[in-house]
Amino acid sequence: IVLQTLIDESKASVVSGIERIHIITYSMCRDILKATENWDTDLARSVVSLEDDVDQLTYFLLRLIRGAALNPTLGRQLDLDPLDCLDYQTLVHRIERIADHTTNIANSVIALIENKMEIPENVLSTLIEAAKIAFTSYDEAVNGFLTKNIDQTNEIIDRQKNIRELFKEITPLPRFGKPGDTASLSQVITMRESIKNISHHAADIAEITIDRAYKLEEITQTSSTQIKRG
């Protein structure tokens, strides 16, 4: 997609680019989950290394989408109207933020392992359980957007509450680590907040999908009315 865009924007595909950036970001989510479960530094580092790929794809996708919004000819070639451009732009921004938060989790896992920091088992298991919910919500939200399927959108939005309830079980966070050492606690807080943010961005994508479905319905109804009047 990046090479295609460099050569000829009219030959690039926004949808295929979004599918690609989602595949990379979701693979980051799956790998950091495994790295956290297995305390695997190498796998966590591989997650961090993928952030550059996401950033590069984000740059080219946003350039393509903005170009389509400003250039009606390019918009028609890409089969994008101005409403599509706004929705796709928001989607790409949300995916990029999810990749950023996943990288934050990976960096925290690396720091915890390298500095031989230990965290309570109940805290770690809660983080892992919440991450599974957030990552699933993200994957389902993007797939729902791309397929225009709103069946799971409300469930995705409601899962934010499930994550909040999970984190209540470890709030306030128990004291752990060496006396006076706040580094391990700081890394756990980073992981917790990043998971919450991923869930929030997934809910945003679900809300965009709902709004998009209503807009499409309104356009269809308006077109139907005009045809009948004609």
C-alpha atoms as a PDB file:
ATOM      1  CA  ILE A   1       0.000   0.000   0.000  1.00  0.00           C
ATOM      2  CA  VAL A   2       2.827   2.442   0.824  1.00  0.00           C
ATOM      3  CA  LEU A   3       4.632   1.812  -2.472  1.00  0.00           C
ATOM      4  CA  GLN A   4       1.352   2.023  -4.382  1.00  0.00           C
ATOM      5  CA  THR A   5       0.610   5.384  -2.805  1.00  0.00           C
ATOM      6  CA  LEU A   6       4.037   6.733  -3.675  1.00  0.00           C
ATOM      7  CA  ILE A   7       3.634   5.707  -7.313  1.00  0.00           C
ATOM      8  CA  ASP A   8       0.015   6.665  -7.913  1.00  0.00           C
ATOM      9  CA  GLU A   9      -2.522   7.642  -5.275  1.00  0.00           C
ATOM     10  CA  SER A  10      -5.412   6.720  -7.552  1.00  0.00           C
ATOM     11  CA  LYS A  11      -4.291   3.077  -7.552  1.00  0.00           C
ATOM     12  CA  ALA A  12      -4.105   2.785  -3.781  1.00  0.00           C
ATOM     13  CA  SER A  13      -6.936   1.342  -1.717  1.00  0.00           C
ATOM     14  CA  VAL A  14      -7.952   2.915   1.569  1.00  0.00           C
ATOM     15  CA  VAL A  15      -9.772  -0.212   2.705  1.00  0.00           C
ATOM     16  CA  SER A  16      -6.828  -2.528   1.960  1.00  0.00           C
ATOM     17  CA  GLY A  17      -4.534  -0.093   3.764  1.00  0.00           C
ATOM     18  CA  ILE A  18      -6.804  -0.066   6.814  1.00  0.00           C
ATOM     19  CA  GLU A  19      -7.009  -3.851   6.758  1.00  0.00           C
ATOM     20  CA  ARG A  20      -3.202  -3.970   6.697  1.00  0.00           C
ATOM     21  CA  ILE A  21      -2.719  -1.514   9.561  1.00  0.00           C
ATOM     22  CA  HIS A  22      -5.329  -3.414  11.577  1.00  0.00           C
ATOM     23  CA  ILE A  23      -3.592  -6.749  10.964  1.00  0.00           C
ATOM     24  CA  ILE A  24      -0.297  -5.301  12.221  1.00  0.00           C
ATOM     25  CA  THR A  25      -1.857  -3.627  15.261  1.00  0.00           C
ATOM     26  CA  TYR A  26      -3.911  -6.664  16.237  1.00  0.00           C
ATOM     27  CA  SER A  27      -0.819  -8.873  15.912  1.00  0.00           C
ATOM     28  CA  MET A  28       0.879  -6.463  18.346  1.00  0.00           C
ATOM     29  CA  CYS A  29      -2.045  -6.963  20.741  1.00  0.00           C
ATOM     30  CA  ARG A  30      -1.876 -10.759  20.527  1.00  0.00           C
ATOM     31  CA  ASP A  31       1.903 -10.830  20.923  1.00  0.00           C
ATOM     32  CA  ILE A  32       2.025  -8.515  23.927  1.00  0.00           C
ATOM     33  CA  LEU A  33      -0.612 -10.687  25.571  1.00  0.00           C
ATOM     34  CA  LYS A  34       1.618 -13.742  25.079  1.00  0.00           C
ATOM     35  CA  ALA A  35       4.678 -11.781  26.210  1.00  0.00           C
ATOM     36  CA  THR A  36       2.896 -10.755  29.415  1.00  0.00           C
ATOM     37  CA  GLU A  37       1.636 -14.266  30.104  1.00  0.00           C
ATOM     38  CA  ASN A  38       5.051 -15.859  29.481  1.00  0.00           C
ATOM     39  CA  TRP A  39       7.250 -12.961  30.652  1.00  0.00           C
ATOM     40  CA  ASP A  40       8.928 -12.966  27.216  1.00  0.00           C
ATOM     41  CA  THR A  41      11.258 -10.000  26.608  1.00  0.00           C
ATOM     42  CA  ASP A  42      12.045 -10.845  22.982  1.00  0.00           C
ATOM     43  CA  LEU A  43       8.382 -11.027  22.030  1.00  0.00           C
ATOM     44  CA  ALA A  44       7.703  -7.721  23.801  1.00  0.00           C
ATOM     45  CA  ARG A  45      10.561  -6.125  21.863  1.00  0.00           C
ATOM     46  CA  SER A  46       9.126  -7.406  18.582  1.00  0.00           C
ATOM     47  CA  VAL A  47       5.883  -5.601  19.464  1.00  0.00           C
ATOM     48  CA  VAL A  48       7.762  -2.327  19.961  1.00  0.00           C
ATOM     49  CA  SER A  49       9.534  -2.778  16.615  1.00  0.00           C
ATOM     50  CA  LEU A  50       6.201  -2.866  14.754  1.00  0.00           C
ATOM     51  CA  GLU A  51       5.182   0.617  15.867  1.00  0.00           C
ATOM     52  CA  ASP A  52       7.219   2.201  13.048  1.00  0.00           C
ATOM     53  CA  ASP A  53       5.272   0.161  10.476  1.00  0.00           C
ATOM     54  CA  VAL A  54       1.998   1.412  11.946  1.00  0.00           C
ATOM     55  CA  ASP A  55       3.225   5.022  11.966  1.00  0.00           C
ATOM     56  CA  GLN A  56       4.319   4.797   8.332  1.00  0.00           C
ATOM     57  CA  LEU A  57       1.023   3.302   7.201  1.00  0.00           C
ATOM     58  CA  THR A  58      -0.868   5.911   9.215  1.00  0.00           C
ATOM     59  CA  TYR A  59       0.995   8.731   7.478  1.00  0.00           C
ATOM     60  CA  PHE A  60       0.248   7.448   3.973  1.00  0.00           C
ATOM     61  CA  LEU A  61      -3.370   6.531   4.717  1.00  0.00           C
ATOM     62  CA  LEU A  62      -4.115   9.956   6.180  1.00  0.00           C
ATOM     63  CA  ARG A  63      -2.466  11.626   3.193  1.00  0.00           C
ATOM     64  CA  LEU A  64      -4.581   9.520   0.854  1.00  0.00           C
ATOM     65  CA  ILE A  65      -7.826  10.192   2.749  1.00  0.00           C
ATOM     66  CA  ARG A  66      -7.195  13.941   2.987  1.00  0.00           C
ATOM     67  CA  GLY A  67      -6.315  14.011  -0.706  1.00  0.00           C
ATOM     68  CA  ALA A  68      -9.633  12.335  -1.530  1.00  0.00           C
ATOM     69  CA  ALA A  69     -11.501  14.847   0.637  1.00  0.00           C
ATOM     70  CA  LEU A  70      -9.910  17.776  -1.218  1.00  0.00           C
ATOM     71  CA  ASN A  71      -9.883  16.273  -4.708  1.00  0.00           C
ATOM     72  CA  PRO A  72     -13.292  15.019  -5.925  1.00  0.00           C
ATOM     73  CA  THR A  73     -11.678  13.179  -8.858  1.00  0.00           C
ATOM     74  CA  LEU A  74      -9.406  11.208  -6.536  1.00  0.00           C
ATOM     75  CA  GLY A  75     -12.354  10.656  -4.192  1.00  0.00           C
ATOM     76  CA  ARG A  76     -14.377   9.094  -7.020  1.00  0.00           C
ATOM     77  CA  GLN A  77     -11.427   6.924  -8.069  1.00  0.00           C
ATOM     78  CA  LEU A  78     -11.111   5.675  -4.495  1.00  0.00           C
ATOM     79  CA  ASP A  79     -14.914   5.382  -4.132  1.00  0.00           C
ATOM     80  CA  LEU A  80     -14.854   7.773  -1.166  1.00  0.00           C
ATOM     81  CA  ASP A  81     -17.289  10.588  -0.471  1.00  0.00           C
ATOM     82  CA  PRO A  82     -16.535  13.347   2.094  1.00  0.00           C
ATOM     83  CA  LEU A  83     -18.452  11.496   4.838  1.00  0.00           C
ATOM     84  CA  ASP A  84     -16.373   8.376   4.190  1.00  0.00           C
ATOM     85  CA  CYS A  85     -13.195  10.436   4.413  1.00  0.00           C
ATOM     86  CA  LEU A  86     -14.084  11.788   7.852  1.00  0.00           C
ATOM     87  CA  ASP A  87     -15.011   8.349   9.204  1.00  0.00           C
ATOM     88  CA  TYR A  88     -11.929   6.657   7.750  1.00  0.00           C
ATOM     89  CA  GLN A  89      -9.666   9.405   9.068  1.00  0.00           C
ATOM     90  CA  THR A  90     -11.065   8.961  12.579  1.00  0.00           C
ATOM     91  CA  LEU A  91     -10.709   5.181  12.309  1.00  0.00           C
ATOM     92  CA  VAL A  92      -7.044   5.411  11.274  1.00  0.00           C
ATOM     93  CA  HIS A  93      -6.304   7.801  14.152  1.00  0.00           C
ATOM     94  CA  ARG A  94      -7.922   5.391  16.642  1.00  0.00           C
ATOM     95  CA  ILE A  95      -5.972   2.400  15.312  1.00  0.00           C
ATOM     96  CA  GLU A  96      -2.736   4.375  15.574  1.00  0.00           C
ATOM     97  CA  ARG A  97      -3.515   5.292  19.198  1.00  0.00           C
ATOM     98  CA  ILE A  98      -4.252   1.642  20.020  1.00  0.00           C
ATOM     99  CA  ALA A  99      -0.867   0.674  18.552  1.00  0.00           C
ATOM    100  CA  ASP A 100       0.758   3.402  20.689  1.00  0.00           C
ATOM    101  CA  HIS A 101      -0.871   2.098  23.872  1.00  0.00           C
ATOM    102  CA  THR A 102       0.085  -1.481  22.989  1.00  0.00           C
ATOM    103  CA  THR A 103       3.687  -0.298  22.608  1.00  0.00           C
ATOM    104  CA  ASN A 104       3.449   1.357  26.036  1.00  0.00           C
ATOM    105  CA  ILE A 105       2.394  -1.978  27.530  1.00  0.00           C
ATOM    106  CA  ALA A 106       5.298  -3.707  25.768  1.00  0.00           C
ATOM    107  CA  ASN A 107       7.812  -1.174  27.087  1.00  0.00           C
ATOM    108  CA  SER A 108       6.463  -1.656  30.616  1.00  0.00           C
ATOM    109  CA  VAL A 109       6.740  -5.446  30.332  1.00  0.00           C
ATOM    110  CA  ILE A 110      10.334  -5.098  29.098  1.00  0.00           C
ATOM    111  CA  ALA A 111      11.195  -2.786  32.011  1.00  0.00           C
ATOM    112  CA  LEU A 112       9.608  -5.122  34.564  1.00  0.00           C
ATOM    113  CA  ILE A 113      11.479  -8.163  33.227  1.00  0.00           C
ATOM    114  CA  GLU A 114      14.868  -6.492  32.728  1.00  0.00           C
ATOM    115  CA  ASN A 115      14.835  -4.936  36.186  1.00  0.00           C
ATOM    116  CA  LYS A 116      13.667  -8.214  37.743  1.00  0.00           C
ATOM    117  CA  MET A 117      10.593  -6.559  39.182  1.00  0.00           C
ATOM    118  CA  GLU A 118       7.884  -8.845  40.510  1.00  0.00           C
ATOM    119  CA  ILE A 119       4.217  -7.967  40.686  1.00  0.00           C
ATOM    120  CA  PRO A 120       1.513  -9.804  42.651  1.00  0.00           C
ATOM    121  CA  GLU A 121      -0.107 -12.697  40.788  1.00  0.00           C
ATOM    122  CA  ASN A 122      -3.628 -11.303  41.237  1.00  0.00           C
ATOM    123  CA  VAL A 123      -2.548  -7.971  39.748  1.00  0.00           C
ATOM    124  CA  LEU A 124      -0.908  -9.636  36.738  1.00  0.00           C
ATOM    125  CA  SER A 125      -3.865 -11.959  36.102  1.00  0.00           C
ATOM    126  CA  THR A 126      -6.285  -9.010  36.266  1.00  0.00           C
ATOM    127  CA  LEU A 127      -4.203  -7.025  33.776  1.00  0.00           C
ATOM    128  CA  ILE A 128      -4.134 -10.010  31.410  1.00  0.00           C
ATOM    129  CA  GLU A 129      -7.889 -10.596  31.689  1.00  0.00           C
ATOM    130  CA  ALA A 130      -8.652  -6.923  31.061  1.00  0.00           C
ATOM    131  CA  ALA A 131      -6.246  -6.849  28.106  1.00  0.00           C
ATOM    132  CA  LYS A 132      -8.004  -9.834  26.528  1.00  0.00           C
ATOM    133  CA  ILE A 133     -11.325  -7.981  26.717  1.00  0.00           C
ATOM    134  CA  ALA A 134      -9.849  -4.750  25.310  1.00  0.00           C
ATOM    135  CA  PHE A 135      -8.034  -6.488  22.447  1.00  0.00           C
ATOM    136  CA  THR A 136     -11.119  -8.509  21.497  1.00  0.00           C
ATOM    137  CA  SER A 137     -13.201  -5.330  21.502  1.00  0.00           C
ATOM    138  CA  TYR A 138     -10.681  -3.631  19.227  1.00  0.00           C
ATOM    139  CA  ASP A 139     -10.653  -6.472  16.689  1.00  0.00           C
ATOM    140  CA  GLU A 140     -14.442  -6.743  16.644  1.00  0.00           C
ATOM    141  CA  ALA A 141     -14.858  -2.968  16.382  1.00  0.00           C
ATOM    142  CA  VAL A 142     -12.653  -2.644  13.291  1.00  0.00           C
ATOM    143  CA  ASN A 143     -14.229  -5.680  11.622  1.00  0.00           C
ATOM    144  CA  GLY A 144     -17.673  -4.251  12.360  1.00  0.00           C
ATOM    145  CA  PHE A 145     -16.698  -0.921  10.807  1.00  0.00           C
ATOM    146  CA  LEU A 146     -15.300  -2.511   7.650  1.00  0.00           C
ATOM    147  CA  THR A 147     -18.318  -4.808   7.172  1.00  0.00           C
ATOM    148  CA  LYS A 148     -20.864  -2.146   8.248  1.00  0.00           C
ATOM    149  CA  ASN A 149     -22.105  -4.593  10.897  1.00  0.00           C
ATOM    150  CA  ILE A 150     -23.493  -3.001  14.061  1.00  0.00           C
ATOM    151  CA  ASP A 151     -24.561  -6.239  15.801  1.00  0.00           C
ATOM    152  CA  GLN A 152     -21.743  -6.158  18.391  1.00  0.00           C
ATOM    153  CA  THR A 153     -21.272  -2.412  18.718  1.00  0.00           C
ATOM    154  CA  ASN A 154     -23.279  -1.934  21.915  1.00  0.00           C
ATOM    155  CA  GLU A 155     -21.554  -4.914  23.521  1.00  0.00           C
ATOM    156  CA  ILE A 156     -18.147  -3.439  22.636  1.00  0.00           C
ATOM    157  CA  ILE A 157     -19.118  -0.118  24.205  1.00  0.00           C
ATOM    158  CA  ASP A 158     -20.474  -1.839  27.343  1.00  0.00           C
ATOM    159  CA  ARG A 159     -17.267  -3.845  27.842  1.00  0.00           C
ATOM    160  CA  GLN A 160     -15.576  -0.688  29.109  1.00  0.00           C
ATOM    161  CA  LYS A 161     -17.649  -1.187  32.246  1.00  0.00           C
ATOM    162  CA  ASN A 162     -16.399  -4.779  32.563  1.00  0.00           C
ATOM    163  CA  ILE A 163     -12.812  -3.557  32.499  1.00  0.00           C
ATOM    164  CA  ARG A 164     -13.538  -0.877  35.099  1.00  0.00           C
ATOM    165  CA  GLU A 165     -15.079  -3.527  37.356  1.00  0.00           C
ATOM    166  CA  LEU A 166     -12.014  -5.756  36.958  1.00  0.00           C
ATOM    167  CA  PHE A 167      -9.666  -2.944  37.898  1.00  0.00           C
ATOM    168  CA  LYS A 168     -11.751  -2.141  40.980  1.00  0.00           C
ATOM    169  CA  GLU A 169     -10.631  -5.536  42.312  1.00  0.00           C
ATOM    170  CA  ILE A 170      -7.014  -4.315  42.441  1.00  0.00           C
ATOM    171  CA  THR A 171      -7.751  -0.724  43.474  1.00  0.00           C
ATOM    172  CA  PRO A 172      -5.943   0.647  45.326  1.00  0.00           C
ATOM    173  CA  LEU A 173      -2.961  -1.263  43.974  1.00  0.00           C
ATOM    174  CA  PRO A 174      -1.238  -3.235  46.746  1.00  0.00           C
ATOM    175  CA  ARG A 175       2.270  -2.282  47.830  1.00  0.00           C
ATOM    176  CA  PHE A 176       4.880  -4.497  46.243  1.00  0.00           C
ATOM    177  CA  GLY A 177       8.550  -4.462  45.302  1.00  0.00           C
ATOM    178  CA  LYS A 178      11.378  -3.196  47.465  1.00  0.00           C
ATOM    179  CA  PRO A 179      10.652  -0.523  50.100  1.00  0.00           C
ATOM    180  CA  GLY A 180      10.741   2.910  48.503  1.00  0.00           C
ATOM    181  CA  ASP A 181      10.747   1.458  44.977  1.00  0.00           C
ATOM    182  CA  THR A 182       7.967   3.031  42.924  1.00  0.00           C
ATOM    183  CA  ALA A 183       9.269   1.971  39.493  1.00  0.00           C
ATOM    184  CA  SER A 184       7.388  -1.325  39.371  1.00  0.00           C
ATOM    185  CA  LEU A 185       4.171   0.344  40.542  1.00  0.00           C
ATOM    186  CA  SER A 186       4.599   3.006  37.859  1.00  0.00           C
ATOM    187  CA  GLN A 187       4.933   0.349  35.129  1.00  0.00           C
ATOM    188  CA  VAL A 188       1.799  -1.453  36.327  1.00  0.00           C
ATOM    189  CA  ILE A 189      -0.146   1.824  36.293  1.00  0.00           C
ATOM    190  CA  THR A 190       1.045   2.460  32.722  1.00  0.00           C
ATOM    191  CA  MET A 191      -0.183  -0.985  31.685  1.00  0.00           C
ATOM    192  CA  ARG A 192      -3.535  -0.497  33.412  1.00  0.00           C
ATOM    193  CA  GLU A 193      -4.165   2.923  31.852  1.00  0.00           C
ATOM    194  CA  SER A 194      -3.076   1.729  28.396  1.00  0.00           C
ATOM    195  CA  ILE A 195      -5.539  -1.176  28.546  1.00  0.00           C
ATOM    196  CA  LYS A 196      -8.335   1.208  29.569  1.00  0.00           C
ATOM    197  CA  ASN A 197      -7.442   3.535  26.704  1.00  0.00           C
ATOM    198  CA  ILE A 198      -7.460   0.690  24.166  1.00  0.00           C
ATOM    199  CA  SER A 199     -10.950  -0.271  25.340  1.00  0.00           C
ATOM    200  CA  HIS A 200     -12.044   3.368  25.066  1.00  0.00           C
ATOM    201  CA  HIS A 201     -10.721   3.701  21.503  1.00  0.00           C
ATOM    202  CA  ALA A 202     -12.434   0.419  20.538  1.00  0.00           C
ATOM    203  CA  ALA A 203     -15.702   1.872  21.858  1.00  0.00           C
ATOM    204  CA  ASP A 204     -15.082   5.023  19.787  1.00  0.00           C
ATOM    205  CA  ILE A 205     -14.738   2.879  16.656  1.00  0.00           C
ATOM    206  CA  ALA A 206     -17.987   1.082  17.539  1.00  0.00           C
ATOM    207  CA  GLU A 207     -19.760   4.432  17.920  1.00  0.00           C
ATOM    208  CA  ILE A 208     -18.443   5.585  14.540  1.00  0.00           C
ATOM    209  CA  THR A 209     -19.836   2.372  13.036  1.00  0.00           C
ATOM    210  CA  ILE A 210     -23.278   3.082  14.521  1.00  0.00           C
ATOM    211  CA  ASP A 211     -23.244   6.696  13.276  1.00  0.00           C
ATOM    212  CA  ARG A 212     -22.125   5.537   9.844  1.00  0.00           C
ATOM    213  CA  ALA A 213     -24.959   3.006   9.646  1.00  0.00           C
ATOM    214  CA  TYR A 214     -27.522   5.709  10.465  1.00  0.00           C
ATOM    215  CA  LYS A 215     -26.016   8.062   7.874  1.00  0.00           C
ATOM    216  CA  LEU A 216     -26.197   5.358   5.209  1.00  0.00           C
ATOM    217  CA  GLU A 217     -29.812   4.645   6.166  1.00  0.00           C
ATOM    218  CA  GLU A 218     -30.715   8.338   5.896  1.00  0.00           C
ATOM    219  CA  ILE A 219     -29.039   8.598   2.485  1.00  0.00           C
ATOM    220  CA  THR A 220     -30.905   5.493   1.270  1.00  0.00           C
ATOM    221  CA  GLN A 221     -34.247   6.839   2.515  1.00  0.00           C
ATOM    222  CA  THR A 222     -33.613  10.250   0.922  1.00  0.00           C
ATOM    223  CA  SER A 223     -32.701   8.638  -2.412  1.00  0.00           C
ATOM    224  CA  SER A 224     -35.842   6.465  -2.251  1.00  0.00           C
ATOM    225  CA  THR A 225     -38.037   9.497  -1.594  1.00  0.00           C
ATOM    226  CA  GLN A 226     -36.487  11.426  -4.495  1.00  0.00           C
ATOM    227  CA  ILE A 227     -37.021   8.487  -6.871  1.00  0.00           C
ATOM    228  CA  LYS A 228     -40.692   8.229  -5.840  1.00  0.00           C
ATOM    229  CA  ARG A 229     -41.188  11.963  -6.373  1.00  0.00           C
ATOM    230  CA  GLY A 230     -39.459  11.732  -9.751  1.00  0.00           C
END
